[in-house]
N, C-alpha and C. Protein backbone atom coordinates (compact mmCIF):
# COMPACT_ATOMS: atom_id res chain seq x y z
N MET A 1 12.89 161.61 14.52
CA MET A 1 11.85 161.65 13.53
C MET A 1 12.35 160.94 12.27
N ALA A 2 11.48 160.21 11.61
CA ALA A 2 11.83 159.43 10.43
C ALA A 2 12.15 160.34 9.25
N LEU A 3 12.90 159.79 8.29
CA LEU A 3 13.20 160.54 7.08
C LEU A 3 11.92 160.86 6.34
N GLY A 4 11.82 162.07 5.84
CA GLY A 4 10.64 162.47 5.09
C GLY A 4 9.43 162.81 5.94
N LYS A 5 9.61 162.89 7.26
CA LYS A 5 8.48 163.12 8.16
C LYS A 5 8.64 164.48 8.84
N SER A 6 7.53 165.20 8.96
CA SER A 6 7.53 166.49 9.63
C SER A 6 6.22 166.66 10.40
N SER A 7 6.29 167.36 11.53
CA SER A 7 5.10 167.57 12.37
C SER A 7 5.03 169.02 12.82
N LYS A 8 3.81 169.45 13.09
CA LYS A 8 3.61 170.81 13.61
C LYS A 8 2.29 170.88 14.34
N ASP A 9 2.27 171.60 15.46
CA ASP A 9 1.04 171.89 16.19
C ASP A 9 0.62 173.32 15.88
N ILE A 10 -0.65 173.48 15.52
CA ILE A 10 -1.18 174.78 15.14
C ILE A 10 -2.28 175.16 16.14
N LYS A 11 -2.14 176.32 16.78
CA LYS A 11 -3.20 176.81 17.66
C LYS A 11 -4.26 177.47 16.78
N TYR A 12 -5.51 177.05 17.01
CA TYR A 12 -6.61 177.54 16.19
C TYR A 12 -7.67 178.12 17.11
N ASN A 13 -8.21 179.27 16.75
CA ASN A 13 -9.12 180.00 17.65
C ASN A 13 -10.58 179.60 17.55
N LYS A 14 -10.86 178.43 17.04
CA LYS A 14 -12.24 177.97 16.95
C LYS A 14 -12.39 176.67 17.74
N PRO A 15 -13.61 176.36 18.19
CA PRO A 15 -13.82 175.12 18.93
C PRO A 15 -13.56 173.89 18.04
N VAL A 16 -13.39 172.76 18.68
CA VAL A 16 -13.01 171.53 17.99
C VAL A 16 -13.97 171.15 16.87
N ASN A 17 -15.28 171.25 17.11
CA ASN A 17 -16.25 170.84 16.09
C ASN A 17 -16.19 171.73 14.84
N GLU A 18 -15.85 173.02 15.00
CA GLU A 18 -15.68 173.90 13.84
C GLU A 18 -14.32 173.69 13.19
N SER A 19 -13.32 173.38 14.02
CA SER A 19 -11.97 173.17 13.52
C SER A 19 -11.90 172.00 12.55
N ILE A 20 -12.59 170.92 12.88
CA ILE A 20 -12.54 169.75 12.01
C ILE A 20 -13.15 170.06 10.63
N LEU A 21 -14.20 170.87 10.61
CA LEU A 21 -14.80 171.27 9.34
C LEU A 21 -13.87 172.18 8.54
N ASP A 22 -13.20 173.12 9.24
CA ASP A 22 -12.27 174.03 8.58
C ASP A 22 -11.05 173.27 8.02
N VAL A 23 -10.53 172.34 8.79
CA VAL A 23 -9.37 171.56 8.33
C VAL A 23 -9.75 170.73 7.11
N LYS A 24 -10.92 170.13 7.16
CA LYS A 24 -11.40 169.33 6.02
C LYS A 24 -11.52 170.21 4.77
N LYS A 25 -12.08 171.39 4.93
CA LYS A 25 -12.25 172.32 3.80
C LYS A 25 -10.88 172.76 3.27
N ALA A 26 -9.96 173.11 4.18
CA ALA A 26 -8.62 173.57 3.78
C ALA A 26 -7.85 172.45 3.07
N LEU A 27 -7.94 171.24 3.60
CA LEU A 27 -7.24 170.11 2.99
C LEU A 27 -7.79 169.81 1.61
N ASN A 28 -9.09 169.93 1.43
CA ASN A 28 -9.68 169.74 0.10
C ASN A 28 -9.22 170.81 -0.89
N MET A 29 -8.85 171.99 -0.39
CA MET A 29 -8.38 173.06 -1.27
C MET A 29 -6.97 172.82 -1.78
N ILE A 30 -6.12 172.15 -0.98
CA ILE A 30 -4.73 171.91 -1.40
C ILE A 30 -4.48 170.46 -1.80
N GLY A 31 -5.39 169.57 -1.50
CA GLY A 31 -5.20 168.15 -1.80
C GLY A 31 -6.52 167.41 -1.74
N SER A 32 -6.52 166.29 -1.00
CA SER A 32 -7.77 165.53 -0.87
C SER A 32 -7.86 164.88 0.51
N VAL A 33 -9.09 164.74 0.97
CA VAL A 33 -9.36 164.10 2.26
C VAL A 33 -9.67 162.63 1.99
N LYS A 34 -8.95 161.75 2.68
CA LYS A 34 -9.17 160.30 2.51
C LYS A 34 -10.16 159.76 3.54
N SER A 35 -10.04 160.23 4.79
CA SER A 35 -10.96 159.77 5.83
C SER A 35 -11.08 160.81 6.94
N VAL A 36 -12.27 160.81 7.55
CA VAL A 36 -12.55 161.69 8.69
C VAL A 36 -13.15 160.82 9.78
N ASN A 37 -12.55 160.88 10.99
CA ASN A 37 -13.07 160.13 12.13
C ASN A 37 -13.46 161.15 13.19
N LYS A 38 -14.76 161.42 13.30
CA LYS A 38 -15.22 162.46 14.23
C LYS A 38 -15.13 162.04 15.69
N THR A 39 -15.12 160.73 15.96
CA THR A 39 -15.00 160.30 17.36
C THR A 39 -13.58 160.49 17.87
N ASP A 40 -12.58 160.19 17.01
CA ASP A 40 -11.17 160.39 17.39
C ASP A 40 -10.68 161.79 17.04
N MET A 41 -11.50 162.53 16.30
CA MET A 41 -11.15 163.87 15.82
C MET A 41 -9.87 163.82 14.98
N THR A 42 -9.84 162.90 14.01
CA THR A 42 -8.69 162.77 13.12
C THR A 42 -9.13 162.86 11.67
N ILE A 43 -8.22 163.36 10.86
CA ILE A 43 -8.42 163.45 9.41
C ILE A 43 -7.16 162.92 8.74
N GLU A 44 -7.35 162.11 7.71
CA GLU A 44 -6.23 161.64 6.91
C GLU A 44 -6.45 162.10 5.48
N GLY A 45 -5.37 162.51 4.84
CA GLY A 45 -5.49 162.97 3.47
C GLY A 45 -4.14 163.03 2.79
N THR A 46 -4.14 163.56 1.58
CA THR A 46 -2.90 163.71 0.82
C THR A 46 -2.86 165.08 0.18
N CYS A 47 -1.65 165.51 -0.13
CA CYS A 47 -1.47 166.72 -0.92
C CYS A 47 -0.23 166.50 -1.79
N LYS A 48 -0.12 167.25 -2.86
CA LYS A 48 0.97 167.09 -3.81
C LYS A 48 2.12 168.01 -3.47
N TYR A 49 3.32 167.52 -3.74
CA TYR A 49 4.52 168.36 -3.73
C TYR A 49 5.31 167.94 -4.97
N GLY A 50 5.18 168.71 -6.03
CA GLY A 50 5.79 168.31 -7.30
C GLY A 50 5.13 167.05 -7.81
N PHE A 51 5.94 166.01 -8.04
CA PHE A 51 5.42 164.74 -8.54
C PHE A 51 5.02 163.78 -7.42
N GLN A 52 5.34 164.10 -6.18
CA GLN A 52 5.08 163.15 -5.10
C GLN A 52 3.80 163.45 -4.34
N ASN A 53 3.20 162.40 -3.79
CA ASN A 53 2.05 162.53 -2.91
C ASN A 53 2.54 162.52 -1.47
N VAL A 54 2.07 163.46 -0.69
CA VAL A 54 2.44 163.55 0.72
C VAL A 54 1.24 163.13 1.55
N LYS A 55 1.45 162.20 2.48
CA LYS A 55 0.37 161.73 3.35
C LYS A 55 0.31 162.62 4.58
N LEU A 56 -0.91 163.03 4.92
CA LEU A 56 -1.14 163.89 6.09
C LEU A 56 -2.03 163.17 7.09
N LYS A 57 -1.63 163.22 8.36
CA LYS A 57 -2.47 162.74 9.45
C LYS A 57 -2.66 163.91 10.40
N ILE A 58 -3.91 164.24 10.63
CA ILE A 58 -4.24 165.43 11.41
C ILE A 58 -5.10 165.04 12.60
N LYS A 59 -4.71 165.49 13.78
CA LYS A 59 -5.47 165.23 15.01
C LYS A 59 -5.84 166.57 15.61
N ILE A 60 -7.10 166.72 15.99
CA ILE A 60 -7.59 167.97 16.58
C ILE A 60 -8.00 167.70 18.00
N ARG A 61 -7.56 168.58 18.92
CA ARG A 61 -7.94 168.42 20.32
C ARG A 61 -8.23 169.79 20.93
N LYS A 62 -9.00 169.77 22.00
CA LYS A 62 -9.42 171.00 22.67
C LYS A 62 -8.22 171.65 23.37
N TYR A 63 -8.19 172.97 23.31
CA TYR A 63 -7.15 173.73 23.98
C TYR A 63 -7.73 175.08 24.38
N GLU A 64 -7.84 175.31 25.69
CA GLU A 64 -8.41 176.54 26.24
C GLU A 64 -9.69 176.92 25.50
N ALA A 65 -9.73 178.12 24.88
CA ALA A 65 -10.96 178.56 24.20
C ALA A 65 -11.05 178.04 22.77
N GLY A 66 -9.95 177.51 22.25
CA GLY A 66 -9.93 177.05 20.86
C GLY A 66 -9.55 175.59 20.76
N SER A 67 -8.64 175.32 19.84
CA SER A 67 -8.20 173.95 19.62
C SER A 67 -6.76 173.92 19.13
N ILE A 68 -6.17 172.76 19.23
CA ILE A 68 -4.82 172.52 18.69
C ILE A 68 -4.98 171.54 17.54
N ILE A 69 -4.40 171.88 16.40
CA ILE A 69 -4.40 171.01 15.24
C ILE A 69 -2.99 170.45 15.10
N SER A 70 -2.84 169.16 15.32
CA SER A 70 -1.53 168.50 15.20
C SER A 70 -1.45 167.84 13.82
N VAL A 71 -0.51 168.29 13.02
CA VAL A 71 -0.35 167.78 11.66
C VAL A 71 0.95 167.00 11.56
N THR A 72 0.86 165.78 11.05
CA THR A 72 2.04 164.98 10.75
C THR A 72 1.99 164.65 9.27
N ALA A 73 3.07 164.97 8.56
CA ALA A 73 3.13 164.73 7.13
C ALA A 73 4.33 163.84 6.81
N VAL A 74 4.14 162.93 5.86
CA VAL A 74 5.21 162.02 5.44
C VAL A 74 5.34 162.13 3.92
N SER A 75 6.57 162.49 3.49
CA SER A 75 6.83 162.62 2.05
C SER A 75 7.90 161.62 1.62
N ASP A 76 8.13 161.55 0.31
CA ASP A 76 9.08 160.59 -0.25
C ASP A 76 10.52 161.06 -0.19
N ASP A 77 10.76 162.34 0.03
CA ASP A 77 12.13 162.85 0.02
C ASP A 77 12.73 162.83 1.43
N ILE A 78 14.03 162.60 1.51
CA ILE A 78 14.67 162.45 2.82
C ILE A 78 14.80 163.77 3.57
N TRP A 79 14.67 164.89 2.86
CA TRP A 79 14.81 166.20 3.51
C TRP A 79 13.48 166.71 4.05
N SER A 80 12.41 165.99 3.86
CA SER A 80 11.07 166.38 4.32
C SER A 80 10.55 167.64 3.64
N ALA A 81 11.08 167.97 2.49
CA ALA A 81 10.64 169.19 1.80
C ALA A 81 9.16 169.12 1.46
N GLY A 82 8.71 167.98 0.97
CA GLY A 82 7.30 167.82 0.64
C GLY A 82 6.41 167.91 1.86
N ALA A 83 6.84 167.26 2.95
CA ALA A 83 6.06 167.28 4.18
C ALA A 83 5.96 168.69 4.75
N LYS A 84 7.09 169.39 4.79
CA LYS A 84 7.09 170.76 5.33
C LYS A 84 6.25 171.70 4.46
N SER A 85 6.33 171.52 3.14
CA SER A 85 5.56 172.37 2.24
C SER A 85 4.06 172.16 2.43
N CYS A 86 3.64 170.91 2.57
CA CYS A 86 2.20 170.64 2.75
C CYS A 86 1.69 171.21 4.08
N ILE A 87 2.48 171.08 5.13
CA ILE A 87 2.08 171.65 6.42
C ILE A 87 1.98 173.16 6.32
N LYS A 88 2.96 173.78 5.66
CA LYS A 88 2.95 175.24 5.49
C LYS A 88 1.73 175.69 4.68
N ARG A 89 1.43 174.98 3.59
CA ARG A 89 0.30 175.35 2.75
C ARG A 89 -1.04 175.11 3.47
N LEU A 90 -1.12 174.05 4.28
CA LEU A 90 -2.34 173.81 5.05
C LEU A 90 -2.54 174.93 6.07
N THR A 91 -1.47 175.33 6.74
CA THR A 91 -1.53 176.43 7.72
C THR A 91 -1.97 177.73 7.05
N GLU A 92 -1.35 178.04 5.91
CA GLU A 92 -1.73 179.26 5.16
C GLU A 92 -3.19 179.23 4.74
N THR A 93 -3.63 178.07 4.27
CA THR A 93 -5.02 177.95 3.80
C THR A 93 -5.99 178.11 4.96
N LEU A 94 -5.66 177.55 6.12
CA LEU A 94 -6.51 177.72 7.31
C LEU A 94 -6.61 179.20 7.70
N GLU A 95 -5.47 179.91 7.61
CA GLU A 95 -5.46 181.33 7.98
C GLU A 95 -6.28 182.19 7.01
N ASN A 96 -6.36 181.75 5.76
CA ASN A 96 -7.04 182.54 4.72
C ASN A 96 -8.37 181.95 4.28
N LEU A 97 -8.93 181.07 5.08
CA LEU A 97 -10.17 180.38 4.73
C LEU A 97 -11.34 181.34 4.53
N ASP A 98 -11.35 182.45 5.27
CA ASP A 98 -12.45 183.40 5.20
C ASP A 98 -12.34 184.37 4.02
N LYS A 99 -11.21 184.35 3.32
CA LYS A 99 -11.01 185.27 2.19
C LYS A 99 -11.45 184.57 0.90
N PRO A 100 -12.51 185.08 0.27
CA PRO A 100 -13.04 184.40 -0.92
C PRO A 100 -12.10 184.44 -2.13
N ASP A 101 -11.19 185.44 -2.20
CA ASP A 101 -10.31 185.54 -3.36
C ASP A 101 -8.98 184.79 -3.17
N TYR A 102 -8.80 184.12 -2.02
CA TYR A 102 -7.56 183.39 -1.76
C TYR A 102 -7.52 182.09 -2.57
N LYS A 103 -6.40 181.87 -3.27
CA LYS A 103 -6.19 180.65 -4.05
C LYS A 103 -4.91 179.99 -3.55
N PRO A 104 -5.03 178.83 -2.90
CA PRO A 104 -3.83 178.17 -2.38
C PRO A 104 -3.00 177.53 -3.48
N ASP A 105 -1.73 177.35 -3.19
CA ASP A 105 -0.81 176.68 -4.09
C ASP A 105 -1.07 175.17 -3.98
N LYS A 106 -1.42 174.53 -5.08
CA LYS A 106 -1.79 173.11 -5.03
C LYS A 106 -0.62 172.15 -5.18
N ILE A 107 0.50 172.58 -5.77
CA ILE A 107 1.61 171.64 -5.95
C ILE A 107 2.84 171.96 -5.12
N GLY A 108 2.91 173.13 -4.52
CA GLY A 108 3.97 173.43 -3.57
C GLY A 108 5.33 173.72 -4.16
N ILE A 109 5.47 173.61 -5.46
CA ILE A 109 6.74 173.89 -6.11
C ILE A 109 6.41 174.57 -7.44
N LYS A 110 7.23 175.50 -7.84
CA LYS A 110 6.97 176.21 -9.09
C LYS A 110 7.19 175.26 -10.26
N PRO A 111 6.30 175.31 -11.25
CA PRO A 111 6.43 174.40 -12.40
C PRO A 111 7.80 174.47 -13.09
N LEU A 112 8.39 175.67 -13.20
CA LEU A 112 9.70 175.80 -13.83
C LEU A 112 10.75 175.04 -13.03
N ASN A 113 10.71 175.15 -11.70
CA ASN A 113 11.67 174.40 -10.87
C ASN A 113 11.50 172.90 -11.06
N MET A 114 10.24 172.46 -11.16
CA MET A 114 9.97 171.04 -11.33
C MET A 114 10.53 170.56 -12.67
N VAL A 115 10.35 171.34 -13.72
CA VAL A 115 10.88 170.97 -15.04
C VAL A 115 12.41 170.96 -15.02
N LEU A 116 13.02 171.98 -14.41
CA LEU A 116 14.49 172.04 -14.35
C LEU A 116 15.07 170.87 -13.55
N GLN A 117 14.42 170.49 -12.46
CA GLN A 117 14.90 169.35 -11.68
C GLN A 117 14.78 168.05 -12.47
N THR A 118 13.70 167.91 -13.22
CA THR A 118 13.52 166.71 -14.05
C THR A 118 14.58 166.65 -15.14
N ILE A 119 14.86 167.78 -15.80
CA ILE A 119 15.90 167.82 -16.83
C ILE A 119 17.26 167.50 -16.22
N GLY A 120 17.55 168.05 -15.03
CA GLY A 120 18.81 167.75 -14.35
C GLY A 120 18.96 166.28 -14.04
N PHE A 121 17.88 165.65 -13.57
CA PHE A 121 17.92 164.22 -13.28
C PHE A 121 18.19 163.41 -14.55
N ILE A 122 17.53 163.78 -15.65
CA ILE A 122 17.73 163.07 -16.91
C ILE A 122 19.17 163.22 -17.39
N LEU A 123 19.74 164.43 -17.28
CA LEU A 123 21.13 164.64 -17.68
C LEU A 123 22.09 163.80 -16.84
N LEU A 124 21.88 163.76 -15.53
CA LEU A 124 22.72 162.93 -14.66
C LEU A 124 22.59 161.45 -15.03
N PHE A 125 21.38 161.04 -15.36
CA PHE A 125 21.14 159.66 -15.76
C PHE A 125 21.90 159.33 -17.04
N LEU A 126 21.86 160.26 -18.02
CA LEU A 126 22.58 160.05 -19.28
C LEU A 126 24.09 160.01 -19.07
N VAL A 127 24.62 160.88 -18.21
CA VAL A 127 26.04 160.86 -17.88
C VAL A 127 26.41 159.53 -17.24
N ALA A 128 25.57 159.03 -16.35
CA ALA A 128 25.83 157.75 -15.70
C ALA A 128 25.85 156.61 -16.72
N ILE A 129 24.95 156.66 -17.69
CA ILE A 129 24.93 155.62 -18.73
C ILE A 129 26.22 155.64 -19.55
N VAL A 130 26.69 156.84 -19.89
CA VAL A 130 27.94 156.96 -20.65
C VAL A 130 29.11 156.43 -19.84
N ILE A 131 29.18 156.80 -18.56
CA ILE A 131 30.27 156.33 -17.69
C ILE A 131 30.20 154.82 -17.53
N LEU A 132 29.01 154.28 -17.34
CA LEU A 132 28.87 152.84 -17.18
C LEU A 132 29.24 152.11 -18.47
N GLY A 133 29.08 152.76 -19.62
CA GLY A 133 29.46 152.16 -20.89
C GLY A 133 30.96 152.02 -21.03
N ILE A 134 31.72 152.86 -20.35
CA ILE A 134 33.18 152.83 -20.40
C ILE A 134 33.73 151.75 -19.46
N LEU A 135 33.04 151.49 -18.37
CA LEU A 135 33.49 150.53 -17.37
C LEU A 135 33.42 149.10 -17.91
N PRO A 136 34.18 148.19 -17.30
CA PRO A 136 34.08 146.78 -17.71
C PRO A 136 32.66 146.25 -17.49
N ALA A 137 32.28 145.27 -18.30
CA ALA A 137 30.91 144.74 -18.30
C ALA A 137 30.51 144.18 -16.94
N TRP A 138 31.41 143.48 -16.25
CA TRP A 138 31.07 142.88 -14.96
C TRP A 138 30.77 143.95 -13.92
N LEU A 139 31.50 145.08 -13.96
CA LEU A 139 31.28 146.16 -13.00
C LEU A 139 29.98 146.90 -13.32
N THR A 140 29.73 147.14 -14.60
CA THR A 140 28.48 147.78 -15.02
C THR A 140 27.29 146.93 -14.61
N GLY A 141 27.37 145.63 -14.86
CA GLY A 141 26.29 144.71 -14.48
C GLY A 141 26.05 144.69 -12.99
N SER A 142 27.13 144.71 -12.20
CA SER A 142 27.01 144.71 -10.74
C SER A 142 26.31 145.98 -10.25
N ILE A 143 26.70 147.12 -10.81
CA ILE A 143 26.10 148.40 -10.40
C ILE A 143 24.61 148.41 -10.75
N ILE A 144 24.28 147.92 -11.95
CA ILE A 144 22.88 147.88 -12.38
C ILE A 144 22.08 146.94 -11.49
N LEU A 145 22.65 145.76 -11.14
CA LEU A 145 21.95 144.81 -10.26
C LEU A 145 21.71 145.39 -8.88
N ILE A 146 22.71 146.06 -8.32
CA ILE A 146 22.55 146.69 -7.00
C ILE A 146 21.46 147.77 -7.07
N GLY A 147 21.48 148.60 -8.12
CA GLY A 147 20.46 149.63 -8.29
C GLY A 147 19.07 149.03 -8.43
N PHE A 148 18.96 147.95 -9.19
CA PHE A 148 17.68 147.27 -9.38
C PHE A 148 17.19 146.67 -8.06
N ALA A 149 18.10 146.06 -7.29
CA ALA A 149 17.73 145.49 -5.99
C ALA A 149 17.23 146.58 -5.04
N LEU A 150 17.91 147.72 -5.02
CA LEU A 150 17.47 148.83 -4.17
C LEU A 150 16.11 149.36 -4.61
N LEU A 151 15.89 149.45 -5.91
CA LEU A 151 14.60 149.90 -6.44
C LEU A 151 13.48 148.97 -5.98
N ILE A 152 13.68 147.68 -6.13
CA ILE A 152 12.67 146.70 -5.71
C ILE A 152 12.44 146.79 -4.20
N TYR A 153 13.51 146.91 -3.43
CA TYR A 153 13.38 147.02 -1.98
C TYR A 153 12.52 148.22 -1.59
N PHE A 154 12.80 149.39 -2.18
CA PHE A 154 12.04 150.59 -1.81
C PHE A 154 10.60 150.54 -2.31
N ILE A 155 10.36 149.86 -3.42
CA ILE A 155 8.97 149.70 -3.87
C ILE A 155 8.21 148.83 -2.88
N ILE A 156 8.83 147.75 -2.41
CA ILE A 156 8.18 146.87 -1.42
C ILE A 156 7.95 147.60 -0.12
N VAL A 157 8.94 148.37 0.35
CA VAL A 157 8.80 149.10 1.61
C VAL A 157 7.68 150.13 1.50
N LYS A 158 7.55 150.80 0.35
CA LYS A 158 6.50 151.81 0.16
C LYS A 158 5.11 151.20 0.18
N ARG A 159 4.96 149.97 -0.24
CA ARG A 159 3.64 149.34 -0.28
C ARG A 159 3.17 148.88 1.09
N ARG A 160 4.04 148.76 2.05
CA ARG A 160 3.66 148.30 3.38
C ARG A 160 2.99 149.38 4.16
């Protein structure tokens, strides 16, 4: 499985035509639906995990008396934390769809954790700047060029 990718099959006790409506409703509660293809029984959408957008591809197929919902999520982090969180939140939302007082988690991470991680990243960045200031200019320039090249590479890869 690719980095940042996670999949799960969910057994659902409703027929396929009802399942697609429930999945669409649940996905709209935690994120947004980009497209619905009723002939292929697929839904594409996104949900948030902190600052990143996670892409979801959902396929629904018949299984005995109900249906199977196959969810594939792709996030920007290599540990698939965003992908796993979105799948978990979609599953929870589907289970609690009939409860009017249920409010799903829309960002998947606590705001305090998000702020602390951002502050930690900024501190590491500042330490790196100080260390690079001590190094010889040619080495600092080389490190910055390599970092810039990697940044451009990943931006191009993400757009494909």
